[in-house]
C-alpha atoms as a PDB file:
ATOM      1  CA  MET A   1     -52.395  59.023  15.839  1.00  0.00           C
ATOM      2  CA  SER A   2     -50.511  60.591  12.738  1.00  0.00           C
ATOM      3  CA  THR A   3     -46.799  61.836  11.723  1.00  0.00           C
ATOM      4  CA  LYS A   4     -46.202  64.643  10.051  1.00  0.00           C
ATOM      5  CA  PRO A   5     -44.346  64.247   7.222  1.00  0.00           C
ATOM      6  CA  THR A   6     -40.912  65.089   7.058  1.00  0.00           C
ATOM      7  CA  THR A   7     -38.741  66.824   4.106  1.00  0.00           C
ATOM      8  CA  PRO A   8     -35.023  65.385   2.645  1.00  0.00           C
ATOM      9  CA  THR A   9     -33.517  68.595   3.922  1.00  0.00           C
ATOM     10  CA  ALA A  10     -35.104  67.903   7.596  1.00  0.00           C
ATOM     11  CA  ASN A  11     -33.786  64.545   7.381  1.00  0.00           C
ATOM     12  CA  ARG A  12     -30.434  65.465   6.237  1.00  0.00           C
ATOM     13  CA  ALA A  13     -30.544  67.771   9.465  1.00  0.00           C
ATOM     14  CA  ASP A  14     -30.838  64.946  11.482  1.00  0.00           C
ATOM     15  CA  PHE A  15     -28.367  62.970   9.834  1.00  0.00           C
ATOM     16  CA  ALA A  16     -26.187  65.760  10.373  1.00  0.00           C
ATOM     17  CA  LYS A  17     -27.065  66.093  13.807  1.00  0.00           C
ATOM     18  CA  TRP A  18     -26.641  62.076  14.212  1.00  0.00           C
ATOM     19  CA  LYS A  19     -23.249  62.271  12.599  1.00  0.00           C
ATOM     20  CA  ILE A  20     -23.734  60.056   9.723  1.00  0.00           C
ATOM     21  CA  LYS A  21     -22.389  61.026   6.325  1.00  0.00           C
ATOM     22  CA  PRO A  22     -24.406  61.316   3.319  1.00  0.00           C
ATOM     23  CA  VAL A  23     -23.837  58.484   0.495  1.00  0.00           C
ATOM     24  CA  ILE A  24     -26.789  59.061  -2.108  1.00  0.00           C
ATOM     25  CA  HIS A  25     -26.589  62.478  -4.220  1.00  0.00           C
ATOM     26  CA  GLY A  26     -29.375  65.316  -3.432  1.00  0.00           C
ATOM     27  CA  CYS A  27     -31.877  65.627  -6.181  1.00  0.00           C
ATOM     28  CA  SER A  28     -31.195  67.143  -9.177  1.00  0.00           C
ATOM     29  CA  LYS A  29     -33.549  69.989  -8.731  1.00  0.00           C
ATOM     30  CA  ARG A  30     -31.844  71.146  -5.605  1.00  0.00           C
ATOM     31  CA  ARG A  31     -30.186  74.612  -5.481  1.00  0.00           C
ATOM     32  CA  VAL A  32     -27.392  73.527  -2.614  1.00  0.00           C
ATOM     33  CA  GLU A  33     -25.431  71.016  -3.958  1.00  0.00           C
ATOM     34  CA  ILE A  34     -24.547  68.352  -0.950  1.00  0.00           C
ATOM     35  CA  LYS A  35     -21.688  67.269  -0.503  1.00  0.00           C
ATOM     36  CA  ARG A  36     -20.942  63.042  -0.189  1.00  0.00           C
ATOM     37  CA  ASP A  37     -18.499  60.558   0.245  1.00  0.00           C
ATOM     38  CA  ARG A  38     -18.465  58.785  -3.770  1.00  0.00           C
ATOM     39  CA  ALA A  39     -16.692  55.960  -2.817  1.00  0.00           C
ATOM     40  CA  LEU A  40     -19.524  54.694   0.001  1.00  0.00           C
ATOM     41  CA  HIS A  41     -22.097  55.599  -2.940  1.00  0.00           C
ATOM     42  CA  LYS A  42     -20.525  53.116  -5.488  1.00  0.00           C
ATOM     43  CA  GLN A  43     -20.056  50.116  -2.570  1.00  0.00           C
ATOM     44  CA  ARG A  44     -24.104  50.811  -1.619  1.00  0.00           C
ATOM     45  CA  ASN A  45     -25.017  50.857  -4.959  1.00  0.00           C
ATOM     46  CA  ARG A  46     -23.055  47.491  -5.663  1.00  0.00           C
ATOM     47  CA  ILE A  47     -24.718  46.159  -2.527  1.00  0.00           C
ATOM     48  CA  LYS A  48     -28.050  47.037  -3.474  1.00  0.00           C
ATOM     49  CA  ARG A  49     -27.598  45.813  -6.965  1.00  0.00           C
ATOM     50  CA  MET A  50     -26.881  42.363  -5.109  1.00  0.00           C
ATOM     51  CA  PHE A  51     -29.580  42.378  -3.636  1.00  0.00           C
ATOM     52  CA  ASP A  52     -31.938  43.405  -6.154  1.00  0.00           C
ATOM     53  CA  ASP A  53     -30.654  40.566  -8.599  1.00  0.00           C
ATOM     54  CA  LEU A  54     -30.640  38.161  -5.586  1.00  0.00           C
ATOM     55  CA  ASN A  55     -35.442  39.421  -5.191  1.00  0.00           C
ATOM     56  CA  ARG A  56     -35.231  39.031  -9.100  1.00  0.00           C
ATOM     57  CA  ASN A  57     -34.352  35.347  -9.086  1.00  0.00           C
ATOM     58  CA  ARG A  58     -35.768  34.322  -5.881  1.00  0.00           C
ATOM     59  CA  ALA A  59     -38.168  32.512  -8.092  1.00  0.00           C
ATOM     60  CA  ALA A  60     -35.723  30.735 -10.661  1.00  0.00           C
ATOM     61  CA  ALA A  61     -33.822  29.431  -7.637  1.00  0.00           C
ATOM     62  CA  THR A  62     -36.752  27.843  -5.944  1.00  0.00           C
ATOM     63  CA  ARG A  63     -37.546  26.372  -8.289  1.00  0.00           C
ATOM     64  CA  TYR A  64     -35.020  24.285  -9.430  1.00  0.00           C
ATOM     65  CA  ASN A  65     -34.192  23.770  -5.492  1.00  0.00           C
ATOM     66  CA  GLN A  66     -37.448  21.806  -5.541  1.00  0.00           C
ATOM     67  CA  LEU A  67     -36.576  20.012  -8.619  1.00  0.00           C
ATOM     68  CA  ALA A  68     -33.118  19.060  -6.886  1.00  0.00           C
ATOM     69  CA  SER A  69     -34.121  15.316  -7.265  1.00  0.00           C
ATOM     70  CA  SER A  70     -34.931  15.413 -10.467  1.00  0.00           C
ATOM     71  CA  PHE A  71     -31.596  16.889 -11.348  1.00  0.00           C
ATOM     72  CA  PRO A  72     -29.174  14.367 -11.857  1.00  0.00           C
ATOM     73  CA  GLY A  73     -31.493  13.123 -14.478  1.00  0.00           C
ATOM     74  CA  MET A  74     -30.709  16.442 -16.565  1.00  0.00           C
ATOM     75  CA  ILE A  75     -27.182  16.161 -16.598  1.00  0.00           C
ATOM     76  CA  ILE A  76     -25.455  14.284 -19.471  1.00  0.00           C
ATOM     77  CA  PRO A  77     -23.617  11.277 -18.200  1.00  0.00           C
ATOM     78  CA  PRO A  78     -19.688  11.498 -19.691  1.00  0.00           C
ATOM     79  CA  PRO A  79     -19.074   9.030 -22.523  1.00  0.00           C
ATOM     80  CA  PRO A  80     -18.525   5.309 -21.586  1.00  0.00           C
ATOM     81  CA  ASP A  81     -14.438   4.400 -21.810  1.00  0.00           C
ATOM     82  CA  PRO A  82     -13.331   2.919 -25.628  1.00  0.00           C
ATOM     83  CA  ASP A  83     -11.423   0.227 -23.237  1.00  0.00           C
ATOM     84  CA  SER A  84     -14.748  -0.857 -21.717  1.00  0.00           C
ATOM     85  CA  ILE A  85     -17.115  -1.135 -25.007  1.00  0.00           C
ATOM     86  CA  PRO A  86     -17.233  -5.090 -25.885  1.00  0.00           C
ATOM     87  CA  PRO A  87     -16.482  -5.543 -29.804  1.00  0.00           C
ATOM     88  CA  ALA A  88     -19.209  -4.526 -32.301  1.00  0.00           C
ATOM     89  CA  ARG A  89     -20.418  -7.908 -34.235  1.00  0.00           C
ATOM     90  CA  PRO A  90     -19.335  -8.386 -37.611  1.00  0.00           C
ATOM     91  CA  LYS A  91     -22.328  -7.028 -40.063  1.00  0.00           C
ATOM     92  CA  LYS A  92     -23.534  -9.579 -42.256  1.00  0.00           C
ATOM     93  CA  SER A  93     -22.901  -8.908 -46.108  1.00  0.00           C
ATOM     94  CA  LEU A  94     -25.847  -8.007 -49.107  1.00  0.00           C
ATOM     95  CA  GLU A  95     -25.652 -12.183 -49.616  1.00  0.00           C
ATOM     96  CA  VAL A  96     -26.232 -13.471 -46.271  1.00  0.00           C
ATOM     97  CA  HIS A  97     -30.165 -10.472 -46.248  1.00  0.00           C
ATOM     98  CA  ALA A  98     -31.150 -12.118 -49.436  1.00  0.00           C
ATOM     99  CA  ASN A  99     -31.276 -15.472 -48.583  1.00  0.00           C
ATOM    100  CA  GLU A 100     -32.956 -14.725 -45.532  1.00  0.00           C
ATOM    101  CA  LEU A 101     -35.367 -12.080 -47.395  1.00  0.00           C
ATOM    102  CA  HIS A 102     -36.305 -15.079 -49.735  1.00  0.00           C
ATOM    103  CA  ARG A 103     -36.028 -17.487 -47.327  1.00  0.00           C
ATOM    104  CA  ILE A 104     -39.026 -15.205 -45.758  1.00  0.00           C
ATOM    105  CA  ILE A 105     -40.622 -14.895 -49.033  1.00  0.00           C
ATOM    106  CA  VAL A 106     -41.026 -18.748 -48.804  1.00  0.00           C
ATOM    107  CA  VAL A 107     -42.204 -19.391 -45.712  1.00  0.00           C
ATOM    108  CA  LEU A 108     -44.842 -16.418 -46.113  1.00  0.00           C
ATOM    109  CA  ARG A 109     -46.325 -17.806 -49.725  1.00  0.00           C
ATOM    110  CA  CYS A 110     -45.600 -21.871 -48.087  1.00  0.00           C
ATOM    111  CA  PRO A 111     -50.086 -22.412 -47.937  1.00  0.00           C
ATOM    112  CA  HIS A 112     -50.364 -23.914 -44.402  1.00  0.00           C
END
């Protein structure tokens, strides 16, 4: 069983019979311009674009949903409170470093 093809004109006639307002404009080659509700077309277009964006971004959304357990690792923790940081040890002077280096050299040169 096959259905016969319908033309846009036949479809629009059926829509008029069912009291459905035209929202989408006709072909640019159409000789008779179809009056349509521009506000409804604008609203329909906005909703269509929203669903297109959702479908386009669905792959990324599901990928990040699967990685929800690893998401906290991607967040940078806030810097620590300055009051809770322990005071830094005083830096050694160059003289102390030279003495330690001399001691290491002496130990390495001594035969065991």
